[in-house]
Amino acid sequence: MSHLPDHDLLASLLDPEVIYHNAPAGYLFTLPNGTIIAANKTLLGWLGYTEEELLHHKKLSDLLSKGGNIHYEMFFRPLITINGKIKELNYEIIRKDGSLFPVLLNGNGIYDKDEKLKAIALTITDITQRNLYEKELLKAKNEAKIEKERFEFLADSSPEMIWTINEAGELTYANHRMLQFFEVNAKELTIKTVFQRLHPQSRIKLLRYWFTNGHKGQGFTALIRLKNDHLIYEWFEVKAVFSHKDTKGLKWFGTCISHDEHINAIARKDDFINIASHELKTPVTVLQSYLQLIEVSEISDTVRSFVLKSLSTLKNLQFLISSLLNVTAINSGDLALQLSVFSINQLLATAAEQLQHTTSSHRLVLQLEKEELFVRADKERILRVLINLVTNALKYSPGADKVIIKCAYRAVRHDVCISICDFGVGIGEEDFKKIFERYYRVELQKSQPGLGLGLYITQNILNAHGSRLTVKSEKGRGSTFSFALPVTGNSAGR
């Protein structure tokens, strides 16, 4: 049970005299001419005076700085005489030791029954800490202003478009390059202006990224097309960073970099590859036909071995031409599928048998389901996927002696998961997202022959089937590439 408060303590705390002398503010009473006639202990402590030294010996003006005295005579005395009160006047008070401290003065006049001013009651608040805070705040604002000006100078010097957007989705800053591209001033450029110049497909893509990544609190990178002042669409890469800090006026920071020249160069290269591949396809086919005719003719064993080597070389060349034509079809959106129902078990066995003849250093290990599984897909293109993956596995596991080809039925998803496992050099996590790009080759693979198209083609063939190639890898431990295809109702026992 709590004890009741001490009545004597309460009485002392509620004593007006105690409250007056121990208040956190200074209290001062003066005559109309400014002579000090009363002061509480708080104020005396601030000033360093005793009552005997201060009362009836000093005037309020004696405690004010030179500038304060001028203000006192011009504003304080007229205000208190006319209005009978003053409110929050700033002064600097002089202590006994000559040092100064800032205060706020609030006061009221005390009048007799004839409305004659008899005395002035003043409340004095020490604002030293507040002034220090205001100075620090002003300093911080000045530093922020300098940083903002430095950022804007650097941003305006950049050849890239740089922008910021607040939480409400409003454009809060755009650098000189961006204003120049859109041919408007800073006040005229809005999100609406930007979106009106976006290609319709880019607009949908950007909005999807914007809302999806915004909810997740993540940045994004997107390739978009913007219409320039000649009404021609140019390619740009947008990079946006999401601000997790509660920064007023900033939720997104981004750049917009022109990729038009690079993408057009790739397009020209693809056009060249397409033309060259088509031009090469006919003479290679004709040459293969002549060699096959020679092979069945009566020739010596020495000539036959040369013919077989030539046919093998032509086969590799045909594979390369086919890969380049596949890239062209993918880039132009013309990757047509010839769908049919077939046994994935048999296709895996066929691929393994064909590829086993190409290597003497590795054993291709098939791990298939006992029951036959059927899928509906483009058989030739899925065979191309298997050849690409197994060929890669053989190429990048020079120190191993086997590659595993797995086929597993997943009842929950009613699909078949196909995995190609090697025990080779592996792939670092930093390369996972890039290995499916055109012509990209990780550092470990650059010593090996190839164009860096196999995984790009494979991924796009699988995407056309509604599937996706995934990878699990560790440097020095090997890689596993996997994809899945839905099983049809014709699968045995399903």
Protein backbone atom coordinates (compact mmCIF):
# COMPACT_ATOMS: atom_id res chain seq x y z
CA MET A 1 0.00 0.00 0.00
CA SER A 2 1.43 3.40 -1.01
CA HIS A 3 2.08 6.00 1.67
CA LEU A 4 0.10 9.23 1.70
CA PRO A 5 2.16 12.29 0.78
CA ASP A 6 3.65 14.35 3.60
CA HIS A 7 1.29 17.26 4.31
CA ASP A 8 4.11 19.57 5.34
CA LEU A 9 5.98 18.75 2.10
CA LEU A 10 2.85 19.43 0.05
CA ALA A 11 2.25 22.68 1.89
CA SER A 12 5.83 23.80 1.23
CA LEU A 13 5.60 22.85 -2.45
CA LEU A 14 2.35 24.77 -2.88
CA ASP A 15 3.65 27.80 -1.01
CA PRO A 16 3.46 30.72 -3.52
CA GLU A 17 6.74 32.06 -2.21
CA VAL A 18 8.51 28.74 -2.91
CA ILE A 19 6.94 28.49 -6.37
CA TYR A 20 7.93 32.08 -7.17
CA HIS A 21 11.58 31.73 -6.16
CA ASN A 22 12.15 28.24 -7.64
CA ALA A 23 10.32 28.64 -10.96
CA PRO A 24 12.22 27.59 -14.13
CA ALA A 25 11.74 31.15 -15.43
CA GLY A 26 13.05 34.44 -14.05
CA TYR A 27 10.59 36.88 -12.49
CA LEU A 28 11.39 40.58 -12.28
CA PHE A 29 9.39 43.59 -11.06
CA THR A 30 10.31 47.16 -11.95
CA LEU A 31 8.96 50.63 -11.36
CA PRO A 32 7.72 52.55 -14.44
CA ASN A 33 11.17 54.16 -14.73
CA GLY A 34 12.79 50.69 -14.89
CA THR A 35 14.17 50.48 -11.35
CA ILE A 36 14.24 46.87 -10.22
CA ILE A 37 12.25 46.31 -7.04
CA ALA A 38 11.93 42.49 -6.93
CA ALA A 39 13.54 39.40 -8.52
CA ASN A 40 13.21 35.70 -7.82
CA LYS A 41 16.12 33.44 -6.92
CA THR A 42 16.16 31.83 -10.38
CA LEU A 43 16.91 35.17 -12.04
CA LEU A 44 19.40 36.18 -9.35
CA GLY A 45 21.23 32.89 -9.99
CA TRP A 46 21.37 33.56 -13.73
CA LEU A 47 22.64 37.14 -13.19
CA GLY A 48 25.11 36.40 -10.37
CA TYR A 49 23.74 39.24 -8.21
CA THR A 50 22.45 39.22 -4.64
CA GLU A 51 19.18 40.96 -3.79
CA GLU A 52 21.12 43.72 -2.02
CA GLU A 53 23.23 44.37 -5.12
CA LEU A 54 20.31 44.38 -7.54
CA LEU A 55 17.14 45.64 -5.91
CA HIS A 56 16.69 49.44 -5.92
CA HIS A 57 20.28 49.80 -7.22
CA LYS A 58 19.87 48.68 -10.83
CA LYS A 59 17.46 49.49 -13.60
CA LEU A 60 16.33 47.07 -16.28
CA SER A 61 18.29 49.13 -18.79
CA ASP A 62 21.48 48.39 -16.80
CA LEU A 63 21.03 44.69 -17.59
CA LEU A 64 20.59 45.22 -21.34
CA SER A 65 23.24 45.45 -24.05
CA LYS A 66 23.71 48.70 -25.96
CA GLY A 67 21.46 47.59 -28.79
CA GLY A 68 18.96 46.26 -26.26
CA ASN A 69 18.84 49.66 -24.54
CA ILE A 70 17.98 51.40 -27.79
CA HIS A 71 15.18 48.90 -28.42
CA TYR A 72 14.04 49.24 -24.80
CA GLU A 73 13.63 52.99 -25.11
CA MET A 74 12.04 52.91 -28.59
CA PHE A 75 9.72 49.89 -28.29
CA PHE A 76 9.55 48.40 -24.80
CA ARG A 77 8.54 51.51 -22.84
CA PRO A 78 6.01 52.81 -25.42
CA LEU A 79 4.43 49.34 -25.74
CA ILE A 80 4.05 48.79 -22.01
CA THR A 81 2.71 52.34 -21.54
CA ILE A 82 0.17 52.13 -24.39
CA ASN A 83 -0.82 48.46 -24.41
CA GLY A 84 -0.07 47.55 -20.84
CA LYS A 85 1.87 44.45 -21.91
CA ILE A 86 4.74 43.16 -23.99
CA LYS A 87 5.12 39.76 -25.59
CA GLU A 88 8.25 37.77 -26.50
CA LEU A 89 10.78 40.51 -27.02
CA ASN A 90 14.32 39.26 -27.65
CA TYR A 91 17.12 40.77 -25.58
CA GLU A 92 20.60 39.96 -24.41
CA ILE A 93 21.00 40.24 -20.60
CA ILE A 94 24.34 41.23 -19.04
CA ARG A 95 25.44 39.15 -16.05
CA LYS A 96 27.41 40.60 -13.18
CA ASP A 97 30.61 39.15 -14.70
CA GLY A 98 29.92 40.93 -18.00
CA SER A 99 28.91 37.86 -19.99
CA LEU A 100 25.70 37.85 -22.03
CA PHE A 101 22.86 35.37 -22.45
CA PRO A 102 19.77 35.60 -24.71
CA VAL A 103 16.27 35.88 -23.21
CA LEU A 104 12.65 36.36 -24.13
CA LEU A 105 10.77 39.04 -22.17
CA ASN A 106 7.05 38.90 -21.50
CA GLY A 107 5.47 41.50 -19.27
CA ASN A 108 2.33 43.12 -17.95
CA GLY A 109 1.75 46.54 -16.44
CA ILE A 110 0.35 46.82 -12.89
CA TYR A 111 -2.04 49.76 -12.46
CA ASP A 112 -3.67 51.54 -9.50
CA LYS A 113 -7.36 52.30 -9.27
CA ASP A 114 -6.84 55.46 -11.30
CA GLU A 115 -5.34 53.40 -14.17
CA LYS A 116 -1.92 54.83 -13.49
CA LEU A 117 1.06 52.52 -14.15
CA LYS A 118 2.57 51.57 -10.81
CA ALA A 119 4.92 48.71 -11.73
CA ILE A 120 5.84 46.25 -14.46
CA ALA A 121 5.86 42.44 -13.93
CA LEU A 122 8.29 40.61 -16.26
CA THR A 123 8.80 36.93 -17.04
CA ILE A 124 12.28 36.17 -18.36
CA THR A 125 13.01 32.96 -20.28
CA ASP A 126 16.59 31.86 -20.95
CA ILE A 127 16.73 30.84 -24.64
CA THR A 128 20.42 29.97 -24.78
CA GLN A 129 19.73 26.32 -25.69
CA ARG A 130 17.04 27.27 -28.15
CA ASN A 131 19.38 29.68 -29.90
CA LEU A 132 22.08 27.01 -30.07
CA TYR A 133 19.54 24.63 -31.59
CA GLU A 134 18.45 27.28 -34.09
CA LYS A 135 22.07 27.94 -35.03
CA GLU A 136 22.67 24.22 -35.56
CA LEU A 137 19.45 23.99 -37.55
CA LEU A 138 20.45 26.96 -39.68
CA LYS A 139 23.89 25.45 -40.17
CA ALA A 140 22.32 22.13 -41.20
CA LYS A 141 19.98 23.93 -43.60
CA ASN A 142 22.90 25.81 -45.14
CA GLU A 143 24.89 22.59 -45.50
CA ALA A 144 21.86 20.88 -47.04
CA LYS A 145 21.46 23.81 -49.43
CA ILE A 146 25.15 23.59 -50.40
CA GLU A 147 24.86 19.81 -50.91
CA LYS A 148 21.71 20.29 -52.98
CA GLU A 149 23.43 22.92 -55.14
CA ARG A 150 26.47 20.64 -55.54
CA PHE A 151 24.23 17.71 -56.50
CA GLU A 152 22.32 19.85 -59.01
CA PHE A 153 25.58 21.16 -60.49
CA LEU A 154 26.93 17.62 -60.92
CA ALA A 155 23.57 16.36 -62.21
CA ASP A 156 23.31 19.21 -64.73
CA SER A 157 26.83 18.42 -65.94
CA SER A 158 25.92 14.78 -66.56
CA PRO A 159 25.05 13.53 -70.05
CA GLU A 160 22.44 11.25 -68.43
CA MET A 161 18.92 12.26 -67.46
CA ILE A 162 18.65 12.42 -63.65
CA TRP A 163 15.43 12.81 -61.69
CA THR A 164 13.76 12.44 -58.29
CA ILE A 165 10.14 11.62 -57.45
CA ASN A 166 8.31 12.01 -54.13
CA GLU A 167 5.93 9.60 -52.43
CA ALA A 168 2.93 11.18 -54.15
CA GLY A 169 4.44 10.28 -57.53
CA GLU A 170 5.33 13.87 -58.39
CA LEU A 171 8.51 14.78 -60.25
CA THR A 172 10.51 16.91 -57.77
CA TYR A 173 13.73 17.37 -59.74
CA ALA A 174 14.95 16.95 -63.31
CA ASN A 175 18.44 17.85 -64.47
CA HIS A 176 19.33 20.03 -67.46
CA ARG A 177 19.73 17.04 -69.83
CA MET A 178 16.20 15.85 -69.05
CA LEU A 179 14.67 19.30 -69.51
CA GLN A 180 16.56 19.61 -72.78
CA PHE A 181 15.28 16.25 -74.05
CA PHE A 182 11.64 17.08 -73.26
CA GLU A 183 12.07 20.74 -74.38
CA VAL A 184 10.35 22.21 -71.31
CA ASN A 185 11.34 24.16 -68.21
CA ALA A 186 11.42 22.73 -64.69
CA LYS A 187 7.88 23.89 -63.86
CA GLU A 188 6.36 22.41 -67.02
CA LEU A 189 7.94 18.95 -66.76
CA THR A 190 5.62 16.48 -65.01
CA ILE A 191 5.19 12.71 -64.83
CA LYS A 192 2.32 13.10 -67.29
CA THR A 193 4.65 14.80 -69.79
CA VAL A 194 7.14 11.93 -69.49
CA PHE A 195 4.50 9.21 -69.85
CA GLN A 196 3.05 10.87 -72.95
CA ARG A 197 6.44 10.42 -74.66
CA LEU A 198 6.80 6.76 -73.66
CA HIS A 199 6.17 3.95 -76.14
CA PRO A 200 2.89 2.19 -75.11
CA GLN A 201 4.72 -1.07 -74.30
CA SER A 202 7.34 0.82 -72.27
CA ARG A 203 4.57 2.63 -70.40
CA ILE A 204 3.02 -0.66 -69.28
CA LYS A 205 6.42 -2.11 -68.37
CA LEU A 206 7.42 0.96 -66.34
CA LEU A 207 4.12 1.10 -64.46
CA ARG A 208 4.40 -2.59 -63.59
CA TYR A 209 7.92 -2.13 -62.25
CA TRP A 210 6.89 1.08 -60.49
CA PHE A 211 4.05 -0.40 -58.48
CA THR A 212 5.50 -3.89 -57.92
CA ASN A 213 8.93 -2.75 -56.79
CA GLY A 214 7.52 0.25 -54.93
CA HIS A 215 5.42 -2.03 -52.72
CA LYS A 216 8.48 -4.20 -52.09
CA GLY A 217 10.69 -1.20 -51.41
CA GLN A 218 13.12 -2.21 -54.15
CA GLY A 219 14.75 -0.41 -57.05
CA PHE A 220 14.57 -1.60 -60.65
CA THR A 221 16.23 -1.40 -64.05
CA ALA A 222 14.18 -1.32 -67.25
CA LEU A 223 14.84 -0.84 -70.96
CA ILE A 224 12.32 1.62 -72.40
CA ARG A 225 11.65 3.67 -75.52
CA LEU A 226 11.11 7.45 -75.43
CA LYS A 227 10.00 9.66 -78.29
CA ASN A 228 12.52 12.40 -79.09
CA ASP A 229 11.82 15.87 -80.55
CA HIS A 230 11.88 14.36 -84.07
CA LEU A 231 9.03 11.99 -83.04
CA ILE A 232 11.38 8.99 -83.28
CA TYR A 233 11.59 6.47 -80.45
CA GLU A 234 15.00 6.08 -78.80
CA TRP A 235 16.10 3.31 -76.45
CA PHE A 236 16.98 4.24 -72.85
CA GLU A 237 17.88 2.28 -69.74
CA VAL A 238 16.06 3.52 -66.64
CA LYS A 239 17.62 2.80 -63.25
CA ALA A 240 15.54 3.69 -60.19
CA VAL A 241 16.62 3.50 -56.55
CA PHE A 242 13.96 3.36 -53.82
CA SER A 243 14.61 5.56 -50.77
CA HIS A 244 13.98 3.75 -47.48
CA LYS A 245 14.76 6.87 -45.43
CA ASP A 246 12.01 9.24 -44.37
CA THR A 247 13.40 11.98 -46.60
CA LYS A 248 10.93 14.72 -47.34
CA GLY A 249 10.45 15.18 -51.06
CA LEU A 250 12.40 12.07 -52.13
CA LYS A 251 11.08 8.54 -52.62
CA TRP A 252 12.76 7.59 -55.90
CA PHE A 253 16.09 8.63 -57.38
CA GLY A 254 16.82 7.60 -60.93
CA THR A 255 18.84 7.95 -64.09
CA CYS A 256 17.94 7.51 -67.73
CA ILE A 257 20.86 6.53 -69.97
CA SER A 258 20.69 6.38 -73.77
CA HIS A 259 21.23 2.87 -75.17
CA ASP A 260 19.96 3.74 -78.63
CA GLU A 261 23.30 3.54 -80.42
CA HIS A 262 24.20 0.27 -78.71
CA ILE A 263 20.84 -1.39 -79.43
CA ASN A 264 20.83 -0.19 -83.04
CA ALA A 265 24.35 -1.59 -83.44
CA ILE A 266 23.15 -4.95 -82.11
CA ALA A 267 20.18 -4.81 -84.50
CA ARG A 268 22.54 -4.16 -87.43
CA LYS A 269 24.74 -7.02 -86.28
CA ASP A 270 21.69 -9.31 -86.03
CA ASP A 271 20.66 -8.32 -89.54
CA PHE A 272 24.12 -9.15 -90.81
CA ILE A 273 24.13 -12.50 -88.95
CA ASN A 274 20.69 -13.34 -90.36
CA ILE A 275 21.72 -12.57 -93.95
CA ALA A 276 25.08 -14.33 -93.60
CA SER A 277 23.49 -17.39 -91.98
CA HIS A 278 20.90 -17.75 -94.73
CA GLU A 279 23.56 -17.30 -97.39
CA LEU A 280 25.78 -19.95 -95.75
CA LYS A 281 22.97 -22.46 -95.24
CA THR A 282 22.53 -23.34 -98.95
CA PRO A 283 26.18 -23.98 -99.93
CA VAL A 284 26.79 -25.96 -96.71
CA THR A 285 23.77 -28.18 -97.47
CA VAL A 286 24.98 -28.70 -101.04
CA LEU A 287 28.50 -29.50 -99.85
CA GLN A 288 27.13 -32.00 -97.32
CA SER A 289 25.13 -33.72 -100.07
CA TYR A 290 28.23 -34.11 -102.28
CA LEU A 291 30.27 -35.49 -99.37
CA GLN A 292 27.52 -38.01 -98.53
CA LEU A 293 27.52 -39.16 -102.16
CA ILE A 294 31.30 -39.56 -102.09
CA GLU A 295 31.02 -41.50 -98.81
CA VAL A 296 28.79 -44.18 -100.41
CA SER A 297 30.99 -44.42 -103.46
CA GLU A 298 33.90 -46.80 -103.89
CA ILE A 299 36.78 -44.92 -102.29
CA SER A 300 39.83 -45.86 -100.29
CA ASP A 301 39.73 -45.98 -96.51
CA THR A 302 42.04 -42.97 -96.33
CA VAL A 303 39.71 -40.85 -98.47
CA ARG A 304 36.69 -42.14 -96.50
CA SER A 305 38.25 -40.98 -93.22
CA PHE A 306 38.79 -37.50 -94.72
CA VAL A 307 35.18 -37.45 -95.93
CA LEU A 308 33.87 -38.45 -92.50
CA LYS A 309 35.95 -35.74 -90.81
CA SER A 310 34.66 -33.21 -93.35
CA LEU A 311 31.05 -34.29 -92.68
CA SER A 312 31.65 -33.95 -88.93
CA THR A 313 33.05 -30.44 -89.42
CA LEU A 314 30.07 -29.54 -91.64
CA LYS A 315 27.72 -30.82 -88.97
CA ASN A 316 29.33 -28.44 -86.45
CA LEU A 317 29.04 -25.61 -88.97
CA GLN A 318 25.35 -26.44 -89.56
CA PHE A 319 24.79 -26.37 -85.80
CA LEU A 320 26.39 -22.91 -85.61
CA ILE A 321 24.31 -21.61 -88.53
CA SER A 322 21.18 -23.05 -86.95
CA SER A 323 22.04 -21.30 -83.66
CA LEU A 324 22.48 -17.97 -85.41
CA LEU A 325 19.17 -18.39 -87.26
CA ASN A 326 17.50 -19.23 -83.95
CA VAL A 327 18.87 -15.99 -82.47
CA THR A 328 17.46 -14.02 -85.39
CA ALA A 329 14.06 -15.69 -85.00
CA ILE A 330 14.07 -14.97 -81.25
CA ASN A 331 15.00 -11.31 -81.72
CA SER A 332 12.34 -10.76 -84.38
CA GLY A 333 9.67 -12.64 -82.41
CA ASP A 334 9.34 -15.28 -85.13
CA LEU A 335 10.27 -18.31 -83.04
CA ALA A 336 7.44 -20.56 -84.21
CA LEU A 337 6.83 -23.90 -82.46
CA GLN A 338 5.82 -27.14 -84.13
CA LEU A 339 3.98 -28.85 -81.28
CA SER A 340 3.47 -32.60 -81.02
CA VAL A 341 3.09 -35.23 -78.31
CA PHE A 342 6.17 -37.39 -77.75
CA SER A 343 7.93 -39.46 -75.12
CA ILE A 344 10.41 -37.38 -73.14
CA ASN A 345 12.12 -40.61 -72.01
CA GLN A 346 12.87 -41.55 -75.61
CA LEU A 347 14.03 -38.04 -76.52
CA LEU A 348 16.46 -38.00 -73.57
CA ALA A 349 17.77 -41.41 -74.56
CA THR A 350 18.22 -40.24 -78.18
CA ALA A 351 20.07 -37.08 -77.09
CA ALA A 352 22.33 -39.04 -74.74
CA GLU A 353 23.14 -41.60 -77.45
CA GLN A 354 23.99 -38.90 -80.02
CA LEU A 355 26.12 -36.91 -77.61
CA GLN A 356 27.93 -39.92 -76.16
CA HIS A 357 29.61 -40.35 -79.57
CA THR A 358 31.05 -36.83 -79.29
CA THR A 359 33.02 -37.48 -76.08
CA SER A 360 35.45 -40.12 -74.89
CA SER A 361 36.25 -38.39 -71.59
CA HIS A 362 32.76 -38.38 -70.04
CA ARG A 363 30.05 -40.92 -69.43
CA LEU A 364 26.48 -39.67 -69.87
CA VAL A 365 24.41 -41.14 -67.04
CA LEU A 366 20.65 -41.33 -67.66
CA GLN A 367 18.35 -41.34 -64.62
CA LEU A 368 14.82 -41.76 -66.02
CA GLU A 369 11.42 -42.56 -64.57
CA LYS A 370 10.47 -46.21 -65.01
CA GLU A 371 7.16 -45.25 -66.56
CA GLU A 372 7.13 -43.47 -69.89
CA LEU A 373 6.24 -39.75 -69.75
CA PHE A 374 4.68 -37.84 -72.62
CA VAL A 375 4.83 -34.08 -73.21
CA ARG A 376 3.36 -31.77 -75.84
CA ALA A 377 6.14 -29.57 -77.17
CA ASP A 378 8.32 -28.82 -80.19
CA LYS A 379 10.39 -32.00 -80.31
CA GLU A 380 13.23 -30.61 -82.43
CA ARG A 381 13.61 -27.50 -80.32
CA ILE A 382 13.55 -29.44 -77.03
CA LEU A 383 16.22 -31.71 -78.52
CA ARG A 384 18.21 -28.53 -79.29
CA VAL A 385 17.78 -27.47 -75.63
CA LEU A 386 19.12 -30.85 -74.43
CA ILE A 387 22.06 -30.75 -76.86
CA ASN A 388 22.97 -27.20 -75.76
CA LEU A 389 22.84 -28.06 -72.05
CA VAL A 390 24.73 -31.37 -72.30
CA THR A 391 27.34 -29.86 -74.64
CA ASN A 392 27.92 -27.06 -72.12
CA ALA A 393 28.17 -29.58 -69.29
CA LEU A 394 30.81 -31.56 -71.19
CA LYS A 395 32.75 -28.45 -72.18
CA TYR A 396 32.91 -26.89 -68.72
CA SER A 397 33.70 -30.00 -66.64
CA PRO A 398 37.10 -30.98 -68.08
CA GLY A 399 38.26 -32.56 -64.83
CA ALA A 400 35.15 -34.73 -64.36
CA ASP A 401 34.27 -38.08 -65.95
CA LYS A 402 30.49 -37.96 -66.10
CA VAL A 403 27.40 -35.83 -66.71
CA ILE A 404 24.04 -36.82 -65.22
CA ILE A 405 20.78 -36.39 -67.14
CA LYS A 406 17.82 -36.65 -64.75
CA CYS A 407 14.14 -36.93 -65.49
CA ALA A 408 11.67 -36.77 -62.57
CA TYR A 409 7.86 -36.71 -62.52
CA ARG A 410 6.37 -34.20 -60.04
CA ALA A 411 2.86 -35.32 -59.12
CA VAL A 412 1.84 -32.08 -57.38
CA ARG A 413 2.60 -30.00 -60.46
CA HIS A 414 1.84 -32.81 -62.92
CA ASP A 415 5.01 -32.03 -64.85
CA VAL A 416 8.40 -33.55 -65.60
CA CYS A 417 11.56 -31.84 -64.36
CA ILE A 418 14.65 -32.40 -66.50
CA SER A 419 18.07 -31.62 -65.01
CA ILE A 420 21.58 -31.68 -66.48
CA CYS A 421 24.20 -32.01 -63.73
CA ASP A 422 27.94 -31.58 -64.22
CA PHE A 423 30.88 -31.57 -61.82
CA GLY A 424 32.93 -28.82 -63.43
CA VAL A 425 34.11 -25.24 -62.94
CA GLY A 426 30.73 -23.91 -61.79
CA ILE A 427 29.29 -20.40 -62.07
CA GLY A 428 29.53 -17.56 -59.55
CA GLU A 429 26.31 -15.96 -58.25
CA GLU A 430 27.31 -12.65 -59.83
CA ASP A 431 26.92 -14.28 -63.28
CA PHE A 432 23.56 -16.00 -62.68
CA LYS A 433 21.45 -13.18 -64.11
CA LYS A 434 23.74 -12.53 -67.08
CA ILE A 435 24.43 -16.02 -68.41
CA PHE A 436 21.15 -16.01 -70.37
CA GLU A 437 22.04 -12.79 -72.23
CA ARG A 438 23.14 -12.82 -75.87
CA TYR A 439 26.88 -13.26 -76.36
CA TYR A 440 27.56 -13.15 -72.61
CA ARG A 441 30.28 -15.50 -71.39
CA VAL A 442 31.56 -15.71 -67.83
CA GLU A 443 35.26 -15.18 -67.21
CA LEU A 444 35.91 -18.91 -66.72
CA GLN A 445 34.38 -19.70 -70.12
CA LYS A 446 36.24 -17.18 -72.27
CA SER A 447 39.11 -19.60 -72.86
CA GLN A 448 36.61 -22.06 -74.41
CA PRO A 449 35.37 -21.74 -78.01
CA GLY A 450 31.82 -20.49 -78.54
CA LEU A 451 29.68 -17.40 -79.13
CA GLY A 452 27.81 -17.32 -75.83
CA LEU A 453 24.47 -18.05 -77.54
CA GLY A 454 23.59 -21.52 -76.24
CA LEU A 455 21.92 -20.52 -72.98
CA TYR A 456 20.28 -17.48 -74.60
CA ILE A 457 18.66 -19.70 -77.25
CA THR A 458 17.78 -22.37 -74.70
CA GLN A 459 16.06 -19.93 -72.35
CA ASN A 460 14.03 -18.38 -75.17
CA ILE A 461 12.95 -21.77 -76.55
CA LEU A 462 11.76 -22.75 -73.06
CA ASN A 463 10.05 -19.37 -72.57
CA ALA A 464 8.14 -20.00 -75.79
CA HIS A 465 6.96 -23.27 -74.19
CA GLY A 466 5.88 -21.45 -71.02
CA SER A 467 8.85 -22.88 -69.13
CA ARG A 468 12.07 -21.43 -67.73
CA LEU A 469 15.65 -22.59 -67.33
CA THR A 470 16.99 -22.38 -63.77
CA VAL A 471 20.50 -22.91 -62.49
CA LYS A 472 22.12 -23.99 -59.25
CA SER A 473 25.87 -23.74 -59.18
CA GLU A 474 28.95 -23.29 -57.04
CA LYS A 475 32.38 -22.39 -58.28
CA GLY A 476 34.59 -25.44 -58.45
CA ARG A 477 31.71 -27.81 -57.58
CA GLY A 478 29.69 -27.90 -60.79
CA SER A 479 26.30 -26.74 -62.09
CA THR A 480 22.78 -28.11 -62.47
CA PHE A 481 20.51 -26.65 -65.16
CA SER A 482 16.83 -27.58 -64.91
CA PHE A 483 13.55 -26.98 -66.72
CA ALA A 484 10.06 -28.45 -66.57
CA LEU A 485 7.39 -29.39 -69.11
CA PRO A 486 3.79 -30.30 -68.31
CA VAL A 487 2.94 -34.00 -68.69
CA THR A 488 0.07 -34.86 -71.05
CA GLY A 489 -2.79 -37.23 -70.24
CA ASN A 490 -1.19 -39.86 -72.49
CA SER A 491 1.58 -40.58 -70.00
CA ALA A 492 1.57 -44.21 -68.87
CA GLY A 493 0.07 -44.76 -65.46
CA ARG A 494 -0.72 -41.05 -64.89
